[in-house]
Amino acid sequence: MEKALQELLDKQAITEVLNRYSRTLDWLDDEEHARCYWPDAEIDYGFFVGRADEFVPVVMEVERASKRRWHMLNSVQILLRNETGADVECYGLAVGINDSEGEMKGNLYGGRYLDNFEKREAESGLEWRISRRKYILDWTLPLPVQPDGSPRAEFPLHMLDLTQSGHEEYRPM
């Protein structure tokens, strides 16, 4: 029972890293995003191959170039190899929207993340983080023109255009 409980706790901790990954990209939280990876993690996104500590500033610059972004990871599969190593795979959906010639245009991306996680000693004790990641883009789809965020009776919803960290709606968690 104790082993089964520890496995559930480890899988939950890994899932929370994946959730934090998406959230910190969307809210442009560089510091928390960096905590998803071990600094020496091997990263391969195609456009970037190198260490995580070099990747985080690059990917955050890419995210800041979008006025709106949205990431969601799902169908998470976790294979615990041992107490400190895991193979993880999940699917991801992402949206990036920019102002293009006065219209809000963007794309929907579908891909998968092939990860290795390691549990190591960190500032707050033992933590699971990504130690190796390969991203594979499976498809991309252009989106129709999006609302620009101006108040309109036909679309009375709150909209965020985030290009800077520290938005007033962001809540550290």
Protein backbone atom coordinates (compact mmCIF):
# COMPACT_ATOMS: atom_id res chain seq x y z
CA MET A 1 0.00 0.00 0.00
CA GLU A 2 2.82 2.42 0.85
CA LYS A 3 4.46 1.85 -2.57
CA ALA A 4 1.16 2.38 -4.40
CA LEU A 5 0.54 5.59 -2.47
CA GLN A 6 4.04 6.90 -3.30
CA GLU A 7 3.48 6.10 -6.99
CA LEU A 8 0.21 8.08 -6.96
CA LEU A 9 1.94 11.01 -5.25
CA ASP A 10 4.76 10.92 -7.81
CA LYS A 11 2.35 10.80 -10.74
CA GLN A 12 0.38 13.71 -9.29
CA ALA A 13 3.56 15.74 -8.81
CA ILE A 14 4.54 15.13 -12.45
CA THR A 15 1.04 16.09 -13.64
CA GLU A 16 1.28 19.34 -11.66
CA VAL A 17 4.56 20.18 -13.43
CA LEU A 18 2.80 19.75 -16.79
CA ASN A 19 -0.07 21.96 -15.61
CA ARG A 20 2.41 24.59 -14.40
CA TYR A 21 4.20 24.42 -17.77
CA SER A 22 1.04 25.49 -19.64
CA ARG A 23 -0.04 28.08 -17.10
CA THR A 24 3.34 29.80 -16.84
CA LEU A 25 3.61 30.12 -20.62
CA ASP A 26 0.15 31.66 -20.84
CA TRP A 27 0.75 34.15 -18.03
CA LEU A 28 4.40 34.83 -19.02
CA ASP A 29 5.84 33.76 -15.67
CA ASP A 30 9.51 33.17 -16.52
CA GLU A 31 10.63 32.13 -13.05
CA GLU A 32 7.92 29.52 -12.50
CA HIS A 33 8.31 28.27 -16.06
CA ALA A 34 12.01 27.63 -15.43
CA ARG A 35 11.00 25.47 -12.43
CA CYS A 36 9.35 22.99 -14.83
CA TYR A 37 12.80 21.86 -16.00
CA TRP A 38 16.09 20.95 -14.43
CA PRO A 39 18.52 23.63 -15.68
CA ASP A 40 20.63 20.96 -17.44
CA ALA A 41 17.60 19.30 -19.09
CA GLU A 42 18.07 18.37 -22.75
CA ILE A 43 15.50 20.23 -24.87
CA ASP A 44 14.67 19.59 -28.53
CA TYR A 45 11.89 21.66 -30.12
CA GLY A 46 13.41 21.59 -33.60
CA PHE A 47 13.91 25.36 -33.68
CA PHE A 48 15.90 25.00 -30.44
CA VAL A 49 18.17 22.17 -29.29
CA GLY A 50 20.08 22.70 -26.07
CA ARG A 51 19.81 23.06 -22.31
CA ALA A 52 16.68 24.18 -20.48
CA ASP A 53 18.40 27.15 -18.82
CA GLU A 54 19.13 28.45 -22.34
CA PHE A 55 15.69 27.47 -23.69
CA VAL A 56 13.46 29.26 -21.17
CA PRO A 57 14.41 32.83 -22.26
CA VAL A 58 14.00 31.81 -25.92
CA VAL A 59 10.55 30.27 -25.51
CA MET A 60 9.34 33.13 -23.32
CA GLU A 61 10.41 35.61 -26.02
CA VAL A 62 8.38 33.59 -28.54
CA GLU A 63 5.37 33.68 -26.21
CA ARG A 64 5.69 37.41 -25.60
CA ALA A 65 5.47 37.95 -29.37
CA SER A 66 1.83 36.77 -29.22
CA LYS A 67 -0.86 39.07 -27.86
CA ARG A 68 -2.78 35.98 -26.71
CA ARG A 69 -1.66 32.46 -26.09
CA TRP A 70 -3.27 29.38 -24.66
CA HIS A 71 -1.72 25.98 -23.88
CA MET A 72 -3.35 22.78 -22.72
CA LEU A 73 -1.69 19.41 -22.15
CA ASN A 74 -3.80 16.29 -21.88
CA SER A 75 -3.89 12.49 -22.23
CA VAL A 76 -0.91 12.27 -19.89
CA GLN A 77 0.75 8.87 -19.67
CA ILE A 78 3.35 8.31 -16.94
CA LEU A 79 5.61 5.28 -16.59
CA LEU A 80 7.58 5.37 -13.36
CA ARG A 81 10.88 3.63 -14.15
CA ASN A 82 12.03 3.80 -10.53
CA GLU A 83 11.77 6.16 -7.53
CA THR A 84 13.59 8.98 -9.33
CA GLY A 85 12.88 8.50 -13.04
CA ALA A 86 9.81 8.54 -15.26
CA ASP A 87 8.91 8.46 -18.93
CA VAL A 88 6.04 10.83 -19.71
CA GLU A 89 4.09 11.46 -22.88
CA CYS A 90 1.19 13.82 -23.45
CA TYR A 91 -0.64 15.63 -26.20
CA GLY A 92 -0.72 19.40 -26.38
CA LEU A 93 -2.91 22.04 -27.93
CA ALA A 94 -1.66 25.60 -28.23
CA VAL A 95 -3.01 28.82 -29.69
CA GLY A 96 -1.04 31.90 -30.63
CA ILE A 97 -2.84 35.08 -31.72
CA ASN A 98 -1.21 38.26 -33.02
CA ASP A 99 -2.29 41.60 -34.44
CA SER A 100 -1.71 41.26 -38.18
CA GLU A 101 -2.54 44.33 -40.24
CA GLY A 102 -5.29 45.37 -37.82
CA GLU A 103 -6.82 41.89 -37.47
CA MET A 104 -6.33 39.42 -34.66
CA LYS A 105 -5.12 36.26 -36.42
CA GLY A 106 -3.50 33.10 -35.21
CA ASN A 107 -3.05 29.38 -35.36
CA LEU A 108 -4.04 26.29 -33.43
CA TYR A 109 -1.21 23.80 -32.98
CA GLY A 110 -1.44 20.14 -32.07
CA GLY A 111 1.53 18.13 -30.98
CA ARG A 112 3.00 15.80 -28.43
CA TYR A 113 5.61 16.04 -25.72
CA LEU A 114 8.01 13.14 -25.17
CA ASP A 115 9.53 13.73 -21.76
CA ASN A 116 11.80 12.18 -19.18
CA PHE A 117 11.33 13.39 -15.64
CA GLU A 118 13.75 13.09 -12.74
CA LYS A 119 13.17 13.53 -9.05
CA ARG A 120 16.11 15.42 -7.57
CA GLU A 121 16.98 17.53 -4.59
CA ALA A 122 15.87 21.16 -5.02
CA GLU A 123 15.59 24.23 -2.78
CA SER A 124 12.38 22.93 -1.20
CA GLY A 125 13.31 19.23 -1.03
CA LEU A 126 12.85 16.46 -3.57
CA GLU A 127 11.06 17.57 -6.75
CA TRP A 128 10.03 16.09 -10.08
CA ARG A 129 11.04 18.16 -13.11
CA ILE A 130 11.62 17.61 -16.80
CA SER A 131 15.13 16.29 -17.50
CA ARG A 132 14.67 15.68 -21.23
CA ARG A 133 11.99 16.91 -23.65
CA LYS A 134 11.32 16.45 -27.34
CA TYR A 135 8.36 18.27 -28.88
CA ILE A 136 6.74 16.96 -32.05
CA LEU A 137 4.34 19.16 -34.02
CA ASP A 138 1.66 16.95 -35.55
CA TRP A 139 -0.49 19.62 -37.23
CA THR A 140 -1.37 23.31 -37.38
CA LEU A 141 -4.61 24.99 -38.34
CA PRO A 142 -5.19 28.69 -39.10
CA LEU A 143 -7.90 30.27 -36.94
CA PRO A 144 -10.57 32.67 -38.20
CA VAL A 145 -10.13 36.35 -37.31
CA GLN A 146 -10.54 36.72 -33.55
CA PRO A 147 -12.25 39.48 -31.51
CA ASP A 148 -9.83 42.30 -30.75
CA GLY A 149 -10.90 42.77 -27.13
CA SER A 150 -12.85 45.99 -27.68
CA PRO A 151 -16.11 46.08 -25.70
CA ARG A 152 -18.93 44.86 -27.94
CA ALA A 153 -22.52 43.92 -27.14
CA GLU A 154 -22.30 40.77 -29.28
CA PHE A 155 -19.16 39.59 -27.45
CA PRO A 156 -19.33 40.88 -23.85
CA LEU A 157 -16.58 38.70 -22.39
CA HIS A 158 -13.36 39.67 -20.64
CA MET A 159 -10.36 39.30 -22.93
CA LEU A 160 -6.68 39.53 -22.06
CA ASP A 161 -3.92 40.78 -24.31
CA LEU A 162 -0.83 39.64 -22.43
CA THR A 163 2.55 40.75 -23.72
CA GLN A 164 4.19 41.43 -20.34
CA SER A 165 4.64 39.48 -17.14
CA GLY A 166 2.81 40.55 -13.99
CA HIS A 167 -0.76 40.98 -15.27
CA GLU A 168 -3.14 42.17 -12.51
CA GLU A 169 -5.31 39.06 -12.95
CA TYR A 170 -2.39 36.66 -12.46
CA ARG A 171 -2.40 34.80 -9.17
CA PRO A 172 0.82 33.03 -8.11
CA MET A 173 0.01 29.43 -7.17
